[in-house]
Amino acid sequence: MTNKEVIRAMYREFFNGHDVEAAKKYVREDYVQHNPGVGQGRQALMDGFRQKFIDEPTFHLEIQKIIEEDDLVAVYLKNVDPEGKTKCRVVDIYRMQDGLLAEHWDVLQPC
């Protein structure tokens, strides 16, 4: 899989499919998280989103654009409600290592 394909699969299965176990296929165990609201490591990502999916059962992200350079991938996306209305805009930046998400930064813009 290319880095972009890994990212698309992660968003499809993990974020939109609410399958937290999918992180085991796409995220390094020692995943570095720069968002202070999520703990360090793959397990912390899984635990945090397991609860988020319970709290927000309609959580959904629409990828608008993916830009890749070397080992960095930037994803511009929208968090949308069930009617398709934009709740916020997000830019996620990932450092990839050996075909897996290794590090993450993000910027959120509320609507």
PDB file of N, CA and C in Angstrom:
ATOM      1  N   MET A   1       0.849  -1.193   0.000  1.00  0.00           N
ATOM      2  CA  MET A   1       0.000   0.000   0.000  1.00  0.00           C
ATOM      3  C   MET A   1       0.886   1.245   0.000  1.00  0.00           C
ATOM      4  N   THR A   2       0.449   2.245  -0.747  1.00  0.00           N
ATOM      5  CA  THR A   2       1.121   3.534  -0.677  1.00  0.00           C
ATOM      6  C   THR A   2       0.719   4.234   0.621  1.00  0.00           C
ATOM      7  N   ASN A   3       1.441   5.295   0.977  1.00  0.00           N
ATOM      8  CA  ASN A   3       1.083   6.043   2.183  1.00  0.00           C
ATOM      9  C   ASN A   3      -0.335   6.601   2.084  1.00  0.00           C
ATOM     10  N   LYS A   4      -0.702   7.097   0.902  1.00  0.00           N
ATOM     11  CA  LYS A   4      -2.056   7.629   0.728  1.00  0.00           C
ATOM     12  C   LYS A   4      -3.101   6.527   0.882  1.00  0.00           C
ATOM     13  N   GLU A   5      -2.819   5.351   0.390  1.00  0.00           N
ATOM     14  CA  GLU A   5      -3.757   4.237   0.539  1.00  0.00           C
ATOM     15  C   GLU A   5      -3.906   3.830   2.008  1.00  0.00           C
ATOM     16  N   VAL A   6      -2.808   3.862   2.747  1.00  0.00           N
ATOM     17  CA  VAL A   6      -2.870   3.561   4.186  1.00  0.00           C
ATOM     18  C   VAL A   6      -3.756   4.585   4.889  1.00  0.00           C
ATOM     19  N   ILE A   7      -3.546   5.848   4.572  1.00  0.00           N
ATOM     20  CA  ILE A   7      -4.354   6.917   5.184  1.00  0.00           C
ATOM     21  C   ILE A   7      -5.836   6.733   4.842  1.00  0.00           C
ATOM     22  N   ARG A   8      -6.138   6.516   3.577  1.00  0.00           N
ATOM     23  CA  ARG A   8      -7.549   6.326   3.177  1.00  0.00           C
ATOM     24  C   ARG A   8      -8.168   5.124   3.900  1.00  0.00           C
ATOM     25  N   ALA A   9      -7.429   4.035   4.004  1.00  0.00           N
ATOM     26  CA  ALA A   9      -7.944   2.845   4.692  1.00  0.00           C
ATOM     27  C   ALA A   9      -8.169   3.131   6.174  1.00  0.00           C
ATOM     28  N   MET A  10      -7.246   3.851   6.797  1.00  0.00           N
ATOM     29  CA  MET A  10      -7.376   4.197   8.218  1.00  0.00           C
ATOM     30  C   MET A  10      -8.639   5.037   8.448  1.00  0.00           C
ATOM     31  N   TYR A  11      -8.867   6.019   7.595  1.00  0.00           N
ATOM     32  CA  TYR A  11     -10.062   6.853   7.761  1.00  0.00           C
ATOM     33  C   TYR A  11     -11.338   6.053   7.496  1.00  0.00           C
ATOM     34  N   ARG A  12     -11.306   5.217   6.474  1.00  0.00           N
ATOM     35  CA  ARG A  12     -12.491   4.414   6.132  1.00  0.00           C
ATOM     36  C   ARG A  12     -12.816   3.427   7.255  1.00  0.00           C
ATOM     37  N   GLU A  13     -11.845   2.675   7.726  1.00  0.00           N
ATOM     38  CA  GLU A  13     -12.105   1.607   8.697  1.00  0.00           C
ATOM     39  C   GLU A  13     -12.159   2.116  10.133  1.00  0.00           C
ATOM     40  N   PHE A  14     -11.151   2.866  10.537  1.00  0.00           N
ATOM     41  CA  PHE A  14     -11.050   3.301  11.935  1.00  0.00           C
ATOM     42  C   PHE A  14     -12.008   4.455  12.223  1.00  0.00           C
ATOM     43  N   PHE A  15     -11.791   5.593  11.558  1.00  0.00           N
ATOM     44  CA  PHE A  15     -12.569   6.789  11.893  1.00  0.00           C
ATOM     45  C   PHE A  15     -14.031   6.698  11.454  1.00  0.00           C
ATOM     46  N   ASN A  16     -14.301   6.239  10.244  1.00  0.00           N
ATOM     47  CA  ASN A  16     -15.682   6.216   9.760  1.00  0.00           C
ATOM     48  C   ASN A  16     -16.373   4.883  10.005  1.00  0.00           C
ATOM     49  N   GLY A  17     -15.613   3.804  10.049  1.00  0.00           N
ATOM     50  CA  GLY A  17     -16.192   2.502  10.357  1.00  0.00           C
ATOM     51  C   GLY A  17     -16.269   2.232  11.847  1.00  0.00           C
ATOM     52  N   HIS A  18     -15.656   3.125  12.636  1.00  0.00           N
ATOM     53  CA  HIS A  18     -15.630   3.028  14.096  1.00  0.00           C
ATOM     54  C   HIS A  18     -15.041   1.699  14.563  1.00  0.00           C
ATOM     55  N   ASP A  19     -14.098   1.179  13.782  1.00  0.00           N
ATOM     56  CA  ASP A  19     -13.419  -0.082  14.114  1.00  0.00           C
ATOM     57  C   ASP A  19     -12.061   0.240  14.731  1.00  0.00           C
ATOM     58  N   VAL A  20     -12.029   0.397  16.048  1.00  0.00           N
ATOM     59  CA  VAL A  20     -10.773   0.785  16.707  1.00  0.00           C
ATOM     60  C   VAL A  20      -9.681  -0.263  16.534  1.00  0.00           C
ATOM     61  N   GLU A  21     -10.050  -1.521  16.335  1.00  0.00           N
ATOM     62  CA  GLU A  21      -9.053  -2.579  16.135  1.00  0.00           C
ATOM     63  C   GLU A  21      -8.291  -2.394  14.814  1.00  0.00           C
ATOM     64  N   ALA A  22      -8.854  -1.634  13.881  1.00  0.00           N
ATOM     65  CA  ALA A  22      -8.177  -1.379  12.607  1.00  0.00           C
ATOM     66  C   ALA A  22      -6.860  -0.642  12.820  1.00  0.00           C
ATOM     67  N   ALA A  23      -6.734   0.077  13.914  1.00  0.00           N
ATOM     68  CA  ALA A  23      -5.483   0.793  14.194  1.00  0.00           C
ATOM     69  C   ALA A  23      -4.296  -0.168  14.243  1.00  0.00           C
ATOM     70  N   LYS A  24      -4.528  -1.398  14.620  1.00  0.00           N
ATOM     71  CA  LYS A  24      -3.438  -2.377  14.687  1.00  0.00           C
ATOM     72  C   LYS A  24      -2.837  -2.651  13.311  1.00  0.00           C
ATOM     73  N   LYS A  25      -3.603  -2.404  12.253  1.00  0.00           N
ATOM     74  CA  LYS A  25      -3.110  -2.608  10.889  1.00  0.00           C
ATOM     75  C   LYS A  25      -2.378  -1.390  10.337  1.00  0.00           C
ATOM     76  N   TYR A  26      -2.683  -0.190  10.856  1.00  0.00           N
ATOM     77  CA  TYR A  26      -2.229   1.039  10.224  1.00  0.00           C
ATOM     78  C   TYR A  26      -1.380   1.956  11.102  1.00  0.00           C
ATOM     79  N   VAL A  27      -1.306   1.703  12.392  1.00  0.00           N
ATOM     80  CA  VAL A  27      -0.645   2.615  13.330  1.00  0.00           C
ATOM     81  C   VAL A  27       0.444   1.868  14.094  1.00  0.00           C
ATOM     82  N   ARG A  28       1.620   2.491  14.181  1.00  0.00           N
ATOM     83  CA  ARG A  28       2.710   1.894  14.955  1.00  0.00           C
ATOM     84  C   ARG A  28       2.337   1.839  16.438  1.00  0.00           C
ATOM     85  N   GLU A  29       2.827   0.848  17.116  1.00  0.00           N
ATOM     86  CA  GLU A  29       2.558   0.707  18.551  1.00  0.00           C
ATOM     87  C   GLU A  29       3.093   1.907  19.337  1.00  0.00           C
ATOM     88  N   ASP A  30       4.239   2.454  18.893  1.00  0.00           N
ATOM     89  CA  ASP A  30       4.869   3.590  19.580  1.00  0.00           C
ATOM     90  C   ASP A  30       4.474   4.941  18.966  1.00  0.00           C
ATOM     91  N   TYR A  31       3.292   5.008  18.412  1.00  0.00           N
ATOM     92  CA  TYR A  31       2.720   6.202  17.771  1.00  0.00           C
ATOM     93  C   TYR A  31       2.904   7.432  18.655  1.00  0.00           C
ATOM     94  N   VAL A  32       3.435   8.506  18.059  1.00  0.00           N
ATOM     95  CA  VAL A  32       3.660   9.759  18.782  1.00  0.00           C
ATOM     96  C   VAL A  32       2.518  10.710  18.455  1.00  0.00           C
ATOM     97  N   GLN A  33       1.849  11.198  19.493  1.00  0.00           N
ATOM     98  CA  GLN A  33       0.659  12.033  19.356  1.00  0.00           C
ATOM     99  C   GLN A  33       0.981  13.441  19.852  1.00  0.00           C
ATOM    100  N   HIS A  34       0.746  14.449  19.005  1.00  0.00           N
ATOM    101  CA  HIS A  34       0.994  15.836  19.401  1.00  0.00           C
ATOM    102  C   HIS A  34      -0.291  16.574  19.757  1.00  0.00           C
ATOM    103  N   ASN A  35      -1.417  15.901  19.729  1.00  0.00           N
ATOM    104  CA  ASN A  35      -2.682  16.480  20.177  1.00  0.00           C
ATOM    105  C   ASN A  35      -2.783  16.204  21.674  1.00  0.00           C
ATOM    106  N   PRO A  36      -2.840  17.257  22.508  1.00  0.00           N
ATOM    107  CA  PRO A  36      -2.854  17.040  23.960  1.00  0.00           C
ATOM    108  C   PRO A  36      -4.094  16.322  24.478  1.00  0.00           C
ATOM    109  N   GLY A  37      -5.132  16.181  23.641  1.00  0.00           N
ATOM    110  CA  GLY A  37      -6.360  15.513  24.061  1.00  0.00           C
ATOM    111  C   GLY A  37      -6.317  14.001  23.900  1.00  0.00           C
ATOM    112  N   VAL A  38      -5.233  13.491  23.299  1.00  0.00           N
ATOM    113  CA  VAL A  38      -5.100  12.054  23.062  1.00  0.00           C
ATOM    114  C   VAL A  38      -3.750  11.615  23.608  1.00  0.00           C
ATOM    115  N   GLY A  39      -3.721  10.490  24.307  1.00  0.00           N
ATOM    116  CA  GLY A  39      -2.479   9.998  24.901  1.00  0.00           C
ATOM    117  C   GLY A  39      -1.512   9.444  23.866  1.00  0.00           C
ATOM    118  N   GLN A  40      -0.340   9.064  24.334  1.00  0.00           N
ATOM    119  CA  GLN A  40       0.720   8.534  23.476  1.00  0.00           C
ATOM    120  C   GLN A  40       0.517   7.048  23.194  1.00  0.00           C
ATOM    121  N   GLY A  41       0.920   6.636  22.002  1.00  0.00           N
ATOM    122  CA  GLY A  41       0.885   5.230  21.635  1.00  0.00           C
ATOM    123  C   GLY A  41      -0.411   4.821  20.954  1.00  0.00           C
ATOM    124  N   ARG A  42      -0.335   3.707  20.227  1.00  0.00           N
ATOM    125  CA  ARG A  42      -1.492   3.181  19.495  1.00  0.00           C
ATOM    126  C   ARG A  42      -2.643   2.847  20.432  1.00  0.00           C
ATOM    127  N   GLN A  43      -2.349   2.246  21.572  1.00  0.00           N
ATOM    128  CA  GLN A  43      -3.425   1.849  22.489  1.00  0.00           C
ATOM    129  C   GLN A  43      -4.197   3.056  23.012  1.00  0.00           C
ATOM    130  N   ALA A  44      -3.501   4.152  23.297  1.00  0.00           N
ATOM    131  CA  ALA A  44      -4.178   5.370  23.765  1.00  0.00           C
ATOM    132  C   ALA A  44      -5.088   5.928  22.681  1.00  0.00           C
ATOM    133  N   LEU A  45      -4.642   5.872  21.424  1.00  0.00           N
ATOM    134  CA  LEU A  45      -5.481   6.302  20.304  1.00  0.00           C
ATOM    135  C   LEU A  45      -6.739   5.447  20.242  1.00  0.00           C
ATOM    136  N   MET A  46      -6.562   4.147  20.345  1.00  0.00           N
ATOM    137  CA  MET A  46      -7.699   3.228  20.296  1.00  0.00           C
ATOM    138  C   MET A  46      -8.660   3.478  21.452  1.00  0.00           C
ATOM    139  N   ASP A  47      -8.134   3.621  22.651  1.00  0.00           N
ATOM    140  CA  ASP A  47      -8.979   3.841  23.827  1.00  0.00           C
ATOM    141  C   ASP A  47      -9.746   5.156  23.726  1.00  0.00           C
ATOM    142  N   GLY A  48      -9.056   6.221  23.292  1.00  0.00           N
ATOM    143  CA  GLY A  48      -9.701   7.532  23.181  1.00  0.00           C
ATOM    144  C   GLY A  48     -10.825   7.535  22.159  1.00  0.00           C
ATOM    145  N   PHE A  49     -10.582   6.908  21.021  1.00  0.00           N
ATOM    146  CA  PHE A  49     -11.619   6.895  19.986  1.00  0.00           C
ATOM    147  C   PHE A  49     -12.704   5.869  20.266  1.00  0.00           C
ATOM    148  N   ARG A  50     -12.408   4.831  20.998  1.00  0.00           N
ATOM    149  CA  ARG A  50     -13.462   3.890  21.401  1.00  0.00           C
ATOM    150  C   ARG A  50     -14.535   4.658  22.174  1.00  0.00           C
ATOM    151  N   GLN A  51     -14.089   5.516  23.091  1.00  0.00           N
ATOM    152  CA  GLN A  51     -15.035   6.313  23.875  1.00  0.00           C
ATOM    153  C   GLN A  51     -15.703   7.381  23.003  1.00  0.00           C
ATOM    154  N   LYS A  52     -14.942   8.015  22.111  1.00  0.00           N
ATOM    155  CA  LYS A  52     -15.518   9.047  21.231  1.00  0.00           C
ATOM    156  C   LYS A  52     -16.641   8.467  20.379  1.00  0.00           C
ATOM    157  N   PHE A  53     -16.443   7.252  19.864  1.00  0.00           N
ATOM    158  CA  PHE A  53     -17.468   6.626  19.026  1.00  0.00           C
ATOM    159  C   PHE A  53     -18.714   6.263  19.835  1.00  0.00           C
ATOM    160  N   ILE A  54     -18.559   6.001  21.113  1.00  0.00           N
ATOM    161  CA  ILE A  54     -19.712   5.782  21.995  1.00  0.00           C
ATOM    162  C   ILE A  54     -20.438   7.108  22.216  1.00  0.00           C
ATOM    163  N   ASP A  55     -19.643   8.163  22.510  1.00  0.00           N
ATOM    164  CA  ASP A  55     -20.216   9.480  22.779  1.00  0.00           C
ATOM    165  C   ASP A  55     -20.815  10.121  21.526  1.00  0.00           C
ATOM    166  N   GLU A  56     -20.217   9.851  20.361  1.00  0.00           N
ATOM    167  CA  GLU A  56     -20.667  10.435  19.090  1.00  0.00           C
ATOM    168  C   GLU A  56     -20.860   9.319  18.061  1.00  0.00           C
ATOM    169  N   PRO A  57     -21.958   8.582  18.131  1.00  0.00           N
ATOM    170  CA  PRO A  57     -22.145   7.432  17.244  1.00  0.00           C
ATOM    171  C   PRO A  57     -22.264   7.786  15.757  1.00  0.00           C
ATOM    172  N   THR A  58     -22.495   9.054  15.429  1.00  0.00           N
ATOM    173  CA  THR A  58     -22.576   9.452  14.024  1.00  0.00           C
ATOM    174  C   THR A  58     -21.292  10.141  13.551  1.00  0.00           C
ATOM    175  N   PHE A  59     -20.216  10.050  14.335  1.00  0.00           N
ATOM    176  CA  PHE A  59     -18.939  10.692  13.967  1.00  0.00           C
ATOM    177  C   PHE A  59     -18.511  10.234  12.573  1.00  0.00           C
ATOM    178  N   HIS A  60     -18.201  11.209  11.710  1.00  0.00           N
ATOM    179  CA  HIS A  60     -17.811  10.889  10.334  1.00  0.00           C
ATOM    180  C   HIS A  60     -16.896  11.983   9.784  1.00  0.00           C
ATOM    181  N   LEU A  61     -15.856  11.567   9.079  1.00  0.00           N
ATOM    182  CA  LEU A  61     -14.902  12.480   8.473  1.00  0.00           C
ATOM    183  C   LEU A  61     -14.904  12.288   6.961  1.00  0.00           C
ATOM    184  N   GLU A  62     -14.952  13.393   6.220  1.00  0.00           N
ATOM    185  CA  GLU A  62     -14.890  13.354   4.760  1.00  0.00           C
ATOM    186  C   GLU A  62     -13.547  13.920   4.319  1.00  0.00           C
ATOM    187  N   ILE A  63     -12.732  13.107   3.679  1.00  0.00           N
ATOM    188  CA  ILE A  63     -11.446  13.569   3.161  1.00  0.00           C
ATOM    189  C   ILE A  63     -11.706  14.465   1.955  1.00  0.00           C
ATOM    190  N   GLN A  64     -11.099  15.641   1.972  1.00  0.00           N
ATOM    191  CA  GLN A  64     -11.210  16.581   0.866  1.00  0.00           C
ATOM    192  C   GLN A  64      -9.954  16.556  -0.010  1.00  0.00           C
ATOM    193  N   LYS A  65      -8.790  16.380   0.625  1.00  0.00           N
ATOM    194  CA  LYS A  65      -7.522  16.427  -0.102  1.00  0.00           C
ATOM    195  C   LYS A  65      -6.447  15.722   0.711  1.00  0.00           C
ATOM    196  N   ILE A  66      -5.575  14.995   0.024  1.00  0.00           N
ATOM    197  CA  ILE A  66      -4.408  14.373   0.650  1.00  0.00           C
ATOM    198  C   ILE A  66      -3.175  14.843  -0.104  1.00  0.00           C
ATOM    199  N   ILE A  67      -2.192  15.350   0.622  1.00  0.00           N
ATOM    200  CA  ILE A  67      -0.940  15.828   0.038  1.00  0.00           C
ATOM    201  C   ILE A  67       0.196  15.047   0.684  1.00  0.00           C
ATOM    202  N   GLU A  68       1.100  14.533  -0.146  1.00  0.00           N
ATOM    203  CA  GLU A  68       2.196  13.707   0.363  1.00  0.00           C
ATOM    204  C   GLU A  68       3.534  14.259  -0.114  1.00  0.00           C
ATOM    205  N   GLU A  69       4.484  14.323   0.817  1.00  0.00           N
ATOM    206  CA  GLU A  69       5.858  14.667   0.475  1.00  0.00           C
ATOM    207  C   GLU A  69       6.783  13.867   1.382  1.00  0.00           C
ATOM    208  N   ASP A  70       7.652  13.093   0.763  1.00  0.00           N
ATOM    209  CA  ASP A  70       8.560  12.217   1.500  1.00  0.00           C
ATOM    210  C   ASP A  70       7.765  11.353   2.470  1.00  0.00           C
ATOM    211  N   ASP A  71       8.080  11.423   3.766  1.00  0.00           N
ATOM    212  CA  ASP A  71       7.385  10.573   4.740  1.00  0.00           C
ATOM    213  C   ASP A  71       6.243  11.304   5.446  1.00  0.00           C
ATOM    214  N   LEU A  72       5.876  12.488   4.954  1.00  0.00           N
ATOM    215  CA  LEU A  72       4.787  13.257   5.568  1.00  0.00           C
ATOM    216  C   LEU A  72       3.558  13.245   4.667  1.00  0.00           C
ATOM    217  N   VAL A  73       2.390  13.086   5.301  1.00  0.00           N
ATOM    218  CA  VAL A  73       1.117  13.103   4.590  1.00  0.00           C
ATOM    219  C   VAL A  73       0.192  14.061   5.324  1.00  0.00           C
ATOM    220  N   ALA A  74      -0.347  15.042   4.594  1.00  0.00           N
ATOM    221  CA  ALA A  74      -1.310  15.989   5.157  1.00  0.00           C
ATOM    222  C   ALA A  74      -2.693  15.652   4.601  1.00  0.00           C
ATOM    223  N   VAL A  75      -3.675  15.650   5.472  1.00  0.00           N
ATOM    224  CA  VAL A  75      -5.048  15.323   5.094  1.00  0.00           C
ATOM    225  C   VAL A  75      -5.941  16.489   5.497  1.00  0.00           C
ATOM    226  N   TYR A  76      -6.603  17.084   4.511  1.00  0.00           N
ATOM    227  CA  TYR A  76      -7.591  18.119   4.795  1.00  0.00           C
ATOM    228  C   TYR A  76      -8.948  17.444   4.747  1.00  0.00           C
ATOM    229  N   LEU A  77      -9.729  17.608   5.812  1.00  0.00           N
ATOM    230  CA  LEU A  77     -11.014  16.921   5.882  1.00  0.00           C
ATOM    231  C   LEU A  77     -12.038  17.728   6.639  1.00  0.00           C
ATOM    232  N   LYS A  78     -13.267  17.249   6.541  1.00  0.00           N
ATOM    233  CA  LYS A  78     -14.377  17.860   7.260  1.00  0.00           C
ATOM    234  C   LYS A  78     -15.020  16.819   8.162  1.00  0.00           C
ATOM    235  N   ASN A  79     -15.356  17.228   9.353  1.00  0.00           N
ATOM    236  CA  ASN A  79     -16.191  16.431  10.243  1.00  0.00           C
ATOM    237  C   ASN A  79     -17.626  16.850   9.929  1.00  0.00           C
ATOM    238  N   VAL A  80     -18.442  15.882   9.499  1.00  0.00           N
ATOM    239  CA  VAL A  80     -19.803  16.207   9.072  1.00  0.00           C
ATOM    240  C   VAL A  80     -20.845  15.464   9.907  1.00  0.00           C
ATOM    241  N   ASP A  81     -22.023  16.063  10.001  1.00  0.00           N
ATOM    242  CA  ASP A  81     -23.129  15.415  10.710  1.00  0.00           C
ATOM    243  C   ASP A  81     -23.868  14.490   9.738  1.00  0.00           C
ATOM    244  N   PRO A  82     -24.853  13.738  10.221  1.00  0.00           N
ATOM    245  CA  PRO A  82     -25.559  12.785   9.345  1.00  0.00           C
ATOM    246  C   PRO A  82     -26.237  13.427   8.128  1.00  0.00           C
ATOM    247  N   GLU A  83     -26.544  14.722   8.188  1.00  0.00           N
ATOM    248  CA  GLU A  83     -27.150  15.418   7.057  1.00  0.00           C
ATOM    249  C   GLU A  83     -26.093  15.961   6.102  1.00  0.00           C
ATOM    250  N   GLY A  84     -24.811  15.774   6.423  1.00  0.00           N
ATOM    251  CA  GLY A  84     -23.731  16.258   5.569  1.00  0.00           C
ATOM    252  C   GLY A  84     -23.280  17.678   5.861  1.00  0.00           C
ATOM    253  N   LYS A  85     -23.836  18.292   6.907  1.00  0.00           N
ATOM    254  CA  LYS A  85     -23.436  19.649   7.272  1.00  0.00           C
ATOM    255  C   LYS A  85     -22.089  19.600   7.989  1.00  0.00           C
ATOM    256  N   THR A  86     -21.209  20.521   7.629  1.00  0.00           N
ATOM    257  CA  THR A  86     -19.869  20.573   8.205  1.00  0.00           C
ATOM    258  C   THR A  86     -19.921  21.050   9.655  1.00  0.00           C
ATOM    259  N   LYS A  87     -19.344  20.254  10.549  1.00  0.00           N
ATOM    260  CA  LYS A  87     -19.249  20.613  11.967  1.00  0.00           C
ATOM    261  C   LYS A  87     -17.934  21.328  12.255  1.00  0.00           C
ATOM    262  N   CYS A  88     -16.858  20.874  11.623  1.00  0.00           N
ATOM    263  CA  CYS A  88     -15.562  21.533  11.726  1.00  0.00           C
ATOM    264  C   CYS A  88     -14.670  21.045  10.590  1.00  0.00           C
ATOM    265  N   ARG A  89     -13.590  21.783  10.375  1.00  0.00           N
ATOM    266  CA  ARG A  89     -12.594  21.413   9.380  1.00  0.00           C
ATOM    267  C   ARG A  89     -11.319  21.027  10.106  1.00  0.00           C
ATOM    268  N   VAL A  90     -10.577  20.100   9.528  1.00  0.00           N
ATOM    269  CA  VAL A  90      -9.392  19.565  10.187  1.00  0.00           C
ATOM    270  C   VAL A  90      -8.273  19.391   9.164  1.00  0.00           C
ATOM    271  N   VAL A  91      -7.058  19.650   9.602  1.00  0.00           N
ATOM    272  CA  VAL A  91      -5.881  19.231   8.856  1.00  0.00           C
ATOM    273  C   VAL A  91      -5.102  18.301   9.781  1.00  0.00           C
ATOM    274  N   ASP A  92      -4.969  17.062   9.367  1.00  0.00           N
ATOM    275  CA  ASP A  92      -4.150  16.077  10.074  1.00  0.00           C
ATOM    276  C   ASP A  92      -2.852  15.926   9.296  1.00  0.00           C
ATOM    277  N   ILE A  93      -1.746  15.906  10.009  1.00  0.00           N
ATOM    278  CA  ILE A  93      -0.443  15.668   9.394  1.00  0.00           C
ATOM    279  C   ILE A  93       0.156  14.437  10.049  1.00  0.00           C
ATOM    280  N   TYR A  94       0.578  13.499   9.228  1.00  0.00           N
ATOM    281  CA  TYR A  94       1.163  12.252   9.729  1.00  0.00           C
ATOM    282  C   TYR A  94       2.576  12.081   9.204  1.00  0.00           C
ATOM    283  N   ARG A  95       3.443  11.573  10.041  1.00  0.00           N
ATOM    284  CA  ARG A  95       4.735  11.064   9.598  1.00  0.00           C
ATOM    285  C   ARG A  95       4.573   9.562   9.486  1.00  0.00           C
ATOM    286  N   MET A  96       4.928   9.041   8.330  1.00  0.00           N
ATOM    287  CA  MET A  96       4.794   7.613   8.071  1.00  0.00           C
ATOM    288  C   MET A  96       6.146   6.930   8.269  1.00  0.00           C
ATOM    289  N   GLN A  97       6.119   5.713   8.758  1.00  0.00           N
ATOM    290  CA  GLN A  97       7.335   4.920   8.926  1.00  0.00           C
ATOM    291  C   GLN A  97       7.000   3.467   8.632  1.00  0.00           C
ATOM    292  N   ASP A  98       7.700   2.883   7.690  1.00  0.00           N
ATOM    293  CA  ASP A  98       7.486   1.482   7.312  1.00  0.00           C
ATOM    294  C   ASP A  98       6.028   1.194   6.963  1.00  0.00           C
ATOM    295  N   GLY A  99       5.372   2.152   6.297  1.00  0.00           N
ATOM    296  CA  GLY A  99       4.000   1.955   5.853  1.00  0.00           C
ATOM    297  C   GLY A  99       2.945   2.104   6.938  1.00  0.00           C
ATOM    298  N   LEU A 100       3.338   2.642   8.094  1.00  0.00           N
ATOM    299  CA  LEU A 100       2.403   2.824   9.207  1.00  0.00           C
ATOM    300  C   LEU A 100       2.431   4.266   9.696  1.00  0.00           C
ATOM    301  N   LEU A 101       1.322   4.701  10.293  1.00  0.00           N
ATOM    302  CA  LEU A 101       1.282   6.027  10.909  1.00  0.00           C
ATOM    303  C   LEU A 101       2.184   6.005  12.131  1.00  0.00           C
ATOM    304  N   ALA A 102       3.168   6.932  12.158  1.00  0.00           N
ATOM    305  CA  ALA A 102       4.144   6.944  13.237  1.00  0.00           C
ATOM    306  C   ALA A 102       4.011   8.164  14.150  1.00  0.00           C
ATOM    307  N   GLU A 103       3.513   9.265  13.590  1.00  0.00           N
ATOM    308  CA  GLU A 103       3.440  10.509  14.357  1.00  0.00           C
ATOM    309  C   GLU A 103       2.307  11.356  13.794  1.00  0.00           C
ATOM    310  N   HIS A 104       1.665  12.165  14.655  1.00  0.00           N
ATOM    311  CA  HIS A 104       0.480  12.917  14.243  1.00  0.00           C
ATOM    312  C   HIS A 104       0.453  14.314  14.853  1.00  0.00           C
ATOM    313  N   TRP A 105       0.092  15.285  14.008  1.00  0.00           N
ATOM    314  CA  TRP A 105      -0.201  16.656  14.412  1.00  0.00           C
ATOM    315  C   TRP A 105      -1.557  17.010  13.815  1.00  0.00           C
ATOM    316  N   ASP A 106      -2.281  17.960  14.421  1.00  0.00           N
ATOM    317  CA  ASP A 106      -3.536  18.399  13.802  1.00  0.00           C
ATOM    318  C   ASP A 106      -3.854  19.840  14.112  1.00  0.00           C
ATOM    319  N   VAL A 107      -4.697  20.405  13.250  1.00  0.00           N
ATOM    320  CA  VAL A 107      -5.215  21.754  13.411  1.00  0.00           C
ATOM    321  C   VAL A 107      -6.712  21.671  13.160  1.00  0.00           C
ATOM    322  N   LEU A 108      -7.514  22.238  14.059  1.00  0.00           N
ATOM    323  CA  LEU A 108      -8.968  22.195  13.947  1.00  0.00           C
ATOM    324  C   LEU A 108      -9.516  23.606  13.745  1.00  0.00           C
ATOM    325  N   GLN A 109     -10.517  23.726  12.881  1.00  0.00           N
ATOM    326  CA  GLN A 109     -11.212  24.986  12.669  1.00  0.00           C
ATOM    327  C   GLN A 109     -12.707  24.741  12.868  1.00  0.00           C
ATOM    328  N   PRO A 110     -13.258  25.190  13.997  1.00  0.00           N
ATOM    329  CA  PRO A 110     -14.694  25.009  14.212  1.00  0.00           C
ATOM    330  C   PRO A 110     -15.503  25.805  13.199  1.00  0.00           C
ATOM    331  N   CYS A 111     -16.689  25.332  12.888  1.00  0.00           N
ATOM    332  CA  CYS A 111     -17.574  26.048  11.949  1.00  0.00           C
ATOM    333  C   CYS A 111     -18.656  26.786  12.695  1.00  0.00           C
TER     334      CYS A 111
END
